[in-house]
Amino acid sequence: MHHPDSILSLLKKSEDFLKKKEISSARLDAEILLADLLNLQRVKLYVNFERLLNESEKDAYRERIVERSKNKPTSYITGQKSFFNSVFFVNENVLIPRPETEELVEKILSDFKNESQNFRVLDLCTGSGCIGISLKIARNDWNLSLSDISQEALDVAEKNSDLLLGEMKESIQFFASDLFSSIPPENRYDLIVTNPPYIPNSDKETMMKDVVDYEPHIALFLENPKEFLTTLIEKAHSYLSPNGKFYMETLPSLANLLLEESIGKGWAEGKVEKDLSGKERFVILRK
């Protein structure tokens, strides 16, 4: 028999508890929450599975498991999420970064690998800063601006800049701005990238509780996504330098429509690209 306070026993008990609460990734979540608490890599749990937890560790772990049983996402419990080679700080003021957004970063780095220094990038609706900061880590010669309507989200992006960029942070501009409203009208960018809110309010009922109950609705949901995204694209046009590019993650059902409506409104060309799951996820336009 394994000791009831051992890593192995507590993982099993936590997994069973989360399964009863209908948490689909019960085992994985139990492991992530314990590994983070003990400051171990997840694989190391199994090398140490006879290790006993002391009272304060057990209490802290129990609290985490109870939070997860109420659908609170593991990333908000641990305060971090891995994204494109870095670990970002996250809290309930920002979306938890998604894998398809990593694909957007990858696309940009591949498409602009020959861009010179002083390439000017605006990450609009930046949230945790994961897109812009990942680009800056890969290309420290690029000039980065981060913008979000939420000052609380911008505080998270600033904290991530401190954590991940060190001295490079000094060159970043931050704008608390409803889309472009507080960005100086004379500013011009070579690239505007955005993962804006794009899910219709009507989809809330069908979505996971983790998302609807905890993630910031301002970063996810809109009454009328098409109208909002059309306006965003139109405004982005005037902030781009000649031949500047616009990259947006969006709702697959709207991607082609947004592309068709934009061509002929001052955009020279554009395309829709699929994410790895085959959904039409990215709209790319050139001024």
Protein backbone atom coordinates (compact mmCIF):
# COMPACT_ATOMS: atom_id res chain seq x y z
CA MET A 1 0.00 0.00 0.00
CA HIS A 2 1.17 3.49 -0.75
CA HIS A 3 1.21 6.04 2.03
CA PRO A 4 -1.95 8.24 1.87
CA ASP A 5 0.23 11.39 1.82
CA SER A 6 2.43 10.20 -1.03
CA ILE A 7 2.45 11.90 -4.42
CA LEU A 8 0.96 8.78 -6.01
CA SER A 9 -1.92 8.44 -3.52
CA LEU A 10 -2.81 12.13 -3.67
CA LEU A 11 -2.75 12.18 -7.47
CA LYS A 12 -5.11 9.21 -7.62
CA LYS A 13 -7.46 10.69 -5.05
CA SER A 14 -7.49 14.05 -6.82
CA GLU A 15 -8.08 12.42 -10.19
CA ASP A 16 -11.09 10.51 -8.83
CA PHE A 17 -12.50 13.66 -7.24
CA LEU A 18 -12.16 15.68 -10.47
CA LYS A 19 -13.71 12.87 -12.53
CA LYS A 20 -16.75 12.90 -10.23
CA LYS A 21 -17.02 16.63 -10.95
CA GLU A 22 -16.96 15.85 -14.69
CA ILE A 23 -13.59 17.46 -15.38
CA SER A 24 -12.58 15.75 -18.63
CA SER A 25 -8.81 16.08 -18.24
CA ALA A 26 -8.85 14.99 -14.57
CA ARG A 27 -5.52 13.12 -14.46
CA LEU A 28 -3.57 15.68 -16.46
CA ASP A 29 -4.94 18.58 -14.40
CA ALA A 30 -4.17 16.79 -11.11
CA GLU A 31 -0.58 16.32 -12.33
CA ILE A 32 -0.13 19.89 -13.61
CA LEU A 33 -1.43 21.41 -10.38
CA LEU A 34 0.76 19.22 -8.16
CA ALA A 35 3.92 19.57 -10.26
CA ASP A 36 3.55 23.35 -10.27
CA LEU A 37 2.92 23.45 -6.52
CA LEU A 38 6.01 21.34 -5.77
CA ASN A 39 8.06 23.16 -8.41
CA LEU A 40 8.79 19.93 -10.27
CA GLN A 41 8.54 19.05 -13.94
CA ARG A 42 5.46 16.90 -14.49
CA VAL A 43 7.53 13.84 -15.52
CA LYS A 44 9.46 14.11 -12.24
CA LEU A 45 6.31 13.36 -10.24
CA TYR A 46 6.70 9.70 -11.16
CA VAL A 47 10.34 9.51 -10.13
CA ASN A 48 9.28 10.91 -6.76
CA PHE A 49 5.92 9.22 -6.35
CA GLU A 50 6.73 7.86 -2.85
CA ARG A 51 7.56 11.36 -1.64
CA LEU A 52 5.24 12.50 1.17
CA LEU A 53 3.60 15.92 1.21
CA ASN A 54 3.64 17.91 4.44
CA GLU A 55 0.47 19.43 5.88
CA SER A 56 0.82 22.84 4.23
CA GLU A 57 1.54 21.25 0.81
CA LYS A 58 -1.48 18.97 1.20
CA ASP A 59 -3.72 21.91 2.13
CA ALA A 60 -2.48 23.99 -0.79
CA TYR A 61 -2.97 21.09 -3.20
CA ARG A 62 -6.47 20.38 -1.87
CA GLU A 63 -7.39 24.04 -2.42
CA ARG A 64 -6.15 23.90 -6.01
CA ILE A 65 -8.09 20.72 -6.74
CA VAL A 66 -11.28 22.23 -5.31
CA GLU A 67 -10.81 25.32 -7.51
CA ARG A 68 -10.31 23.10 -10.56
CA SER A 69 -13.44 21.10 -9.66
CA LYS A 70 -15.39 24.37 -10.03
CA ASN A 71 -14.07 24.58 -13.62
CA LYS A 72 -11.43 27.21 -12.91
CA PRO A 73 -8.79 26.70 -15.64
CA THR A 74 -5.48 25.23 -14.47
CA SER A 75 -3.59 28.19 -16.00
CA TYR A 76 -5.43 30.64 -13.76
CA ILE A 77 -4.72 28.45 -10.72
CA THR A 78 -0.99 28.19 -11.49
CA GLY A 79 -0.81 31.72 -12.92
CA GLN A 80 1.04 30.61 -16.02
CA LYS A 81 0.72 29.21 -19.52
CA SER A 82 3.37 27.98 -21.94
CA PHE A 83 3.19 29.69 -25.33
CA PHE A 84 5.69 29.56 -28.20
CA ASN A 85 8.86 28.65 -26.24
CA SER A 86 8.09 30.92 -23.26
CA VAL A 87 6.01 30.72 -20.10
CA PHE A 88 3.60 33.65 -19.75
CA PHE A 89 2.04 34.95 -16.56
CA VAL A 90 -1.78 34.89 -16.84
CA ASN A 91 -4.68 35.84 -14.60
CA GLU A 92 -8.41 36.29 -15.07
CA ASN A 93 -7.92 39.67 -16.78
CA VAL A 94 -6.51 38.01 -19.90
CA LEU A 95 -7.38 35.11 -22.17
CA ILE A 96 -5.38 31.94 -21.76
CA PRO A 97 -3.21 31.75 -24.91
CA ARG A 98 -4.33 29.05 -27.40
CA PRO A 99 -2.33 26.77 -29.72
CA GLU A 100 -3.82 28.32 -32.88
CA THR A 101 -2.45 31.69 -31.80
CA GLU A 102 1.01 30.09 -31.69
CA GLU A 103 0.43 29.18 -35.34
CA LEU A 104 -0.18 32.87 -36.07
CA VAL A 105 3.19 33.79 -34.49
CA GLU A 106 4.89 31.06 -36.50
CA LYS A 107 3.33 32.29 -39.76
CA ILE A 108 4.49 35.85 -39.16
CA LEU A 109 8.07 34.85 -38.30
CA SER A 110 8.22 32.70 -41.41
CA ASP A 111 6.64 35.34 -43.70
CA PHE A 112 8.87 38.17 -42.44
CA LYS A 113 12.14 36.36 -41.85
CA ASN A 114 14.00 38.76 -44.17
CA GLU A 115 12.57 41.96 -42.73
CA SER A 116 15.13 44.54 -41.75
CA GLN A 117 15.59 46.21 -38.40
CA ASN A 118 13.13 48.83 -37.22
CA PHE A 119 10.24 46.80 -38.62
CA ARG A 120 7.27 48.34 -36.77
CA VAL A 121 4.74 45.94 -35.24
CA LEU A 122 1.48 46.65 -33.44
CA ASP A 123 -0.14 43.82 -31.46
CA LEU A 124 -3.75 45.01 -31.08
CA CYS A 125 -6.03 43.46 -28.39
CA THR A 126 -2.79 42.11 -26.94
CA GLY A 127 -4.15 40.57 -23.69
CA SER A 128 -1.22 38.80 -22.01
CA GLY A 129 1.09 40.15 -24.73
CA CYS A 130 1.80 36.62 -25.94
CA ILE A 131 1.82 37.42 -29.68
CA GLY A 132 3.86 40.63 -29.61
CA ILE A 133 6.31 39.49 -26.94
CA SER A 134 6.92 36.15 -28.72
CA LEU A 135 7.70 38.08 -31.92
CA LYS A 136 10.05 40.43 -30.04
CA ILE A 137 11.90 37.52 -28.39
CA ALA A 138 12.48 36.01 -31.85
CA ARG A 139 13.26 39.37 -33.52
CA ASN A 140 14.66 41.79 -30.97
CA ASP A 141 15.47 44.27 -33.78
CA TRP A 142 11.74 44.84 -34.43
CA ASN A 143 9.91 47.80 -32.83
CA LEU A 144 6.91 46.63 -30.83
CA SER A 145 3.74 48.34 -29.63
CA LEU A 146 1.12 46.57 -27.52
CA SER A 147 -2.45 47.79 -27.17
CA ASP A 148 -5.56 46.67 -25.29
CA ILE A 149 -8.86 48.23 -24.22
CA SER A 150 -8.37 46.81 -20.71
CA GLN A 151 -5.79 48.48 -18.45
CA GLU A 152 -5.79 45.29 -16.32
CA ALA A 153 -4.84 43.24 -19.38
CA LEU A 154 -2.15 45.77 -20.29
CA ASP A 155 -0.72 45.42 -16.76
CA VAL A 156 -0.37 41.67 -17.42
CA ALA A 157 1.33 42.36 -20.78
CA GLU A 158 3.74 44.78 -19.01
CA LYS A 159 4.52 42.17 -16.37
CA ASN A 160 5.24 39.59 -19.11
CA SER A 161 7.48 42.10 -20.88
CA ASP A 162 9.43 42.51 -17.62
CA LEU A 163 9.65 38.75 -17.08
CA LEU A 164 10.55 37.74 -20.63
CA LEU A 165 12.23 40.68 -22.34
CA GLY A 166 14.45 42.25 -19.69
CA GLU A 167 16.13 45.36 -21.08
CA MET A 168 14.42 44.95 -24.46
CA LYS A 169 11.22 46.03 -22.70
CA GLU A 170 12.45 49.62 -22.64
CA SER A 171 11.71 50.07 -26.35
CA ILE A 172 8.08 48.83 -26.20
CA GLN A 173 5.16 51.24 -26.39
CA PHE A 174 1.96 50.39 -24.48
CA PHE A 175 -1.45 51.86 -25.38
CA ALA A 176 -4.63 51.53 -23.31
CA SER A 177 -6.92 51.94 -26.29
CA ASP A 178 -10.33 50.89 -27.58
CA LEU A 179 -9.00 49.54 -30.89
CA PHE A 180 -7.18 52.54 -32.41
CA SER A 181 -8.90 55.35 -30.50
CA SER A 182 -5.91 56.24 -28.27
CA ILE A 183 -3.15 55.39 -30.75
CA PRO A 184 -1.71 58.57 -32.30
CA PRO A 185 -3.23 58.96 -35.78
CA GLU A 186 0.21 59.70 -37.30
CA ASN A 187 1.61 56.31 -36.18
CA ARG A 188 2.37 53.90 -39.03
CA TYR A 189 3.14 50.19 -38.74
CA ASP A 190 4.63 47.66 -41.14
CA LEU A 191 2.61 44.90 -39.49
CA ILE A 192 -0.57 44.93 -37.42
CA VAL A 193 -1.41 41.60 -35.81
CA THR A 194 -4.52 40.93 -33.75
CA ASN A 195 -6.44 38.20 -31.99
CA PRO A 196 -9.56 40.25 -31.22
CA PRO A 197 -12.82 39.08 -29.64
CA TYR A 198 -14.78 37.26 -32.36
CA ILE A 199 -17.21 34.77 -30.78
CA PRO A 200 -20.93 35.65 -31.07
CA ASN A 201 -22.72 36.05 -27.72
CA SER A 202 -25.15 33.39 -28.88
CA ASP A 203 -22.38 30.74 -28.69
CA LYS A 204 -21.99 31.11 -24.91
CA GLU A 205 -24.48 28.34 -24.11
CA THR A 206 -22.52 25.73 -26.05
CA MET A 207 -19.08 26.59 -24.68
CA MET A 208 -17.11 24.98 -21.86
CA LYS A 209 -17.75 26.30 -18.37
CA ASP A 210 -13.99 26.86 -17.95
CA VAL A 211 -14.17 29.54 -20.63
CA VAL A 212 -17.55 31.13 -19.95
CA ASP A 213 -17.24 31.25 -16.16
CA TYR A 214 -13.67 32.46 -15.89
CA GLU A 215 -12.14 33.99 -19.03
CA PRO A 216 -12.74 37.72 -19.67
CA HIS A 217 -15.84 38.08 -21.83
CA ILE A 218 -14.59 41.40 -23.23
CA ALA A 219 -11.76 39.46 -24.92
CA LEU A 220 -14.03 36.75 -26.33
CA PHE A 221 -17.62 37.71 -27.07
CA LEU A 222 -19.43 40.24 -29.25
CA GLU A 223 -23.04 40.94 -30.03
CA ASN A 224 -22.18 41.45 -33.70
CA PRO A 225 -18.72 40.05 -34.60
CA LYS A 226 -18.99 40.86 -38.30
CA GLU A 227 -19.67 44.55 -37.73
CA PHE A 228 -16.89 44.85 -35.14
CA LEU A 229 -14.29 43.03 -37.23
CA THR A 230 -15.19 44.97 -40.39
CA THR A 231 -14.60 48.22 -38.49
CA LEU A 232 -11.32 46.92 -37.05
CA ILE A 233 -10.04 46.01 -40.54
CA GLU A 234 -11.06 49.40 -41.97
CA LYS A 235 -9.31 51.29 -39.16
CA ALA A 236 -6.18 49.13 -39.35
CA HIS A 237 -5.78 50.15 -43.00
CA SER A 238 -5.04 53.79 -42.16
CA TYR A 239 -2.40 52.81 -39.56
CA LEU A 240 -0.34 50.71 -41.97
CA SER A 241 2.55 52.00 -44.01
CA PRO A 242 2.38 51.40 -47.81
CA ASN A 243 2.55 47.62 -48.46
CA GLY A 244 1.99 47.06 -44.72
CA LYS A 245 0.41 43.73 -43.74
CA PHE A 246 -2.50 42.88 -41.45
CA TYR A 247 -2.80 39.45 -39.76
CA MET A 248 -5.92 38.52 -37.79
CA GLU A 249 -7.13 35.40 -36.04
CA THR A 250 -10.87 35.15 -36.47
CA LEU A 251 -14.08 33.12 -36.55
CA PRO A 252 -13.77 30.52 -39.35
CA SER A 253 -17.34 31.14 -40.54
CA LEU A 254 -16.53 34.84 -41.12
CA ALA A 255 -13.00 34.64 -42.54
CA ASN A 256 -13.84 34.50 -46.27
CA LEU A 257 -16.60 37.07 -45.99
CA LEU A 258 -14.28 39.54 -44.23
CA LEU A 259 -11.63 38.95 -46.89
CA GLU A 260 -14.05 39.45 -49.81
CA GLU A 261 -15.45 42.66 -48.33
CA SER A 262 -11.99 44.08 -47.65
CA ILE A 263 -10.59 43.58 -51.14
CA GLY A 264 -11.54 46.63 -53.11
CA LYS A 265 -11.65 48.82 -50.00
CA GLY A 266 -8.08 49.93 -50.38
CA TRP A 267 -6.45 46.57 -49.72
CA ALA A 268 -4.22 45.39 -52.55
CA GLU A 269 -4.54 41.68 -51.87
CA GLY A 270 -5.37 39.15 -49.21
CA LYS A 271 -5.91 35.51 -48.34
CA VAL A 272 -7.43 33.23 -45.73
CA GLU A 273 -5.22 30.56 -44.17
CA LYS A 274 -6.25 27.46 -42.24
CA ASP A 275 -5.07 26.45 -38.80
CA LEU A 276 -3.70 22.96 -38.11
CA SER A 277 -7.18 21.59 -37.48
CA GLY A 278 -8.24 22.70 -40.98
CA LYS A 279 -10.40 25.67 -39.89
CA GLU A 280 -10.24 28.93 -41.85
CA ARG A 281 -8.75 30.84 -38.95
CA PHE A 282 -6.48 33.61 -40.27
CA VAL A 283 -7.21 36.61 -42.49
CA ILE A 284 -4.10 38.18 -44.04
CA LEU A 285 -4.29 41.46 -45.98
CA ARG A 286 -1.78 43.75 -47.67
CA LYS A 287 -2.28 47.48 -48.08
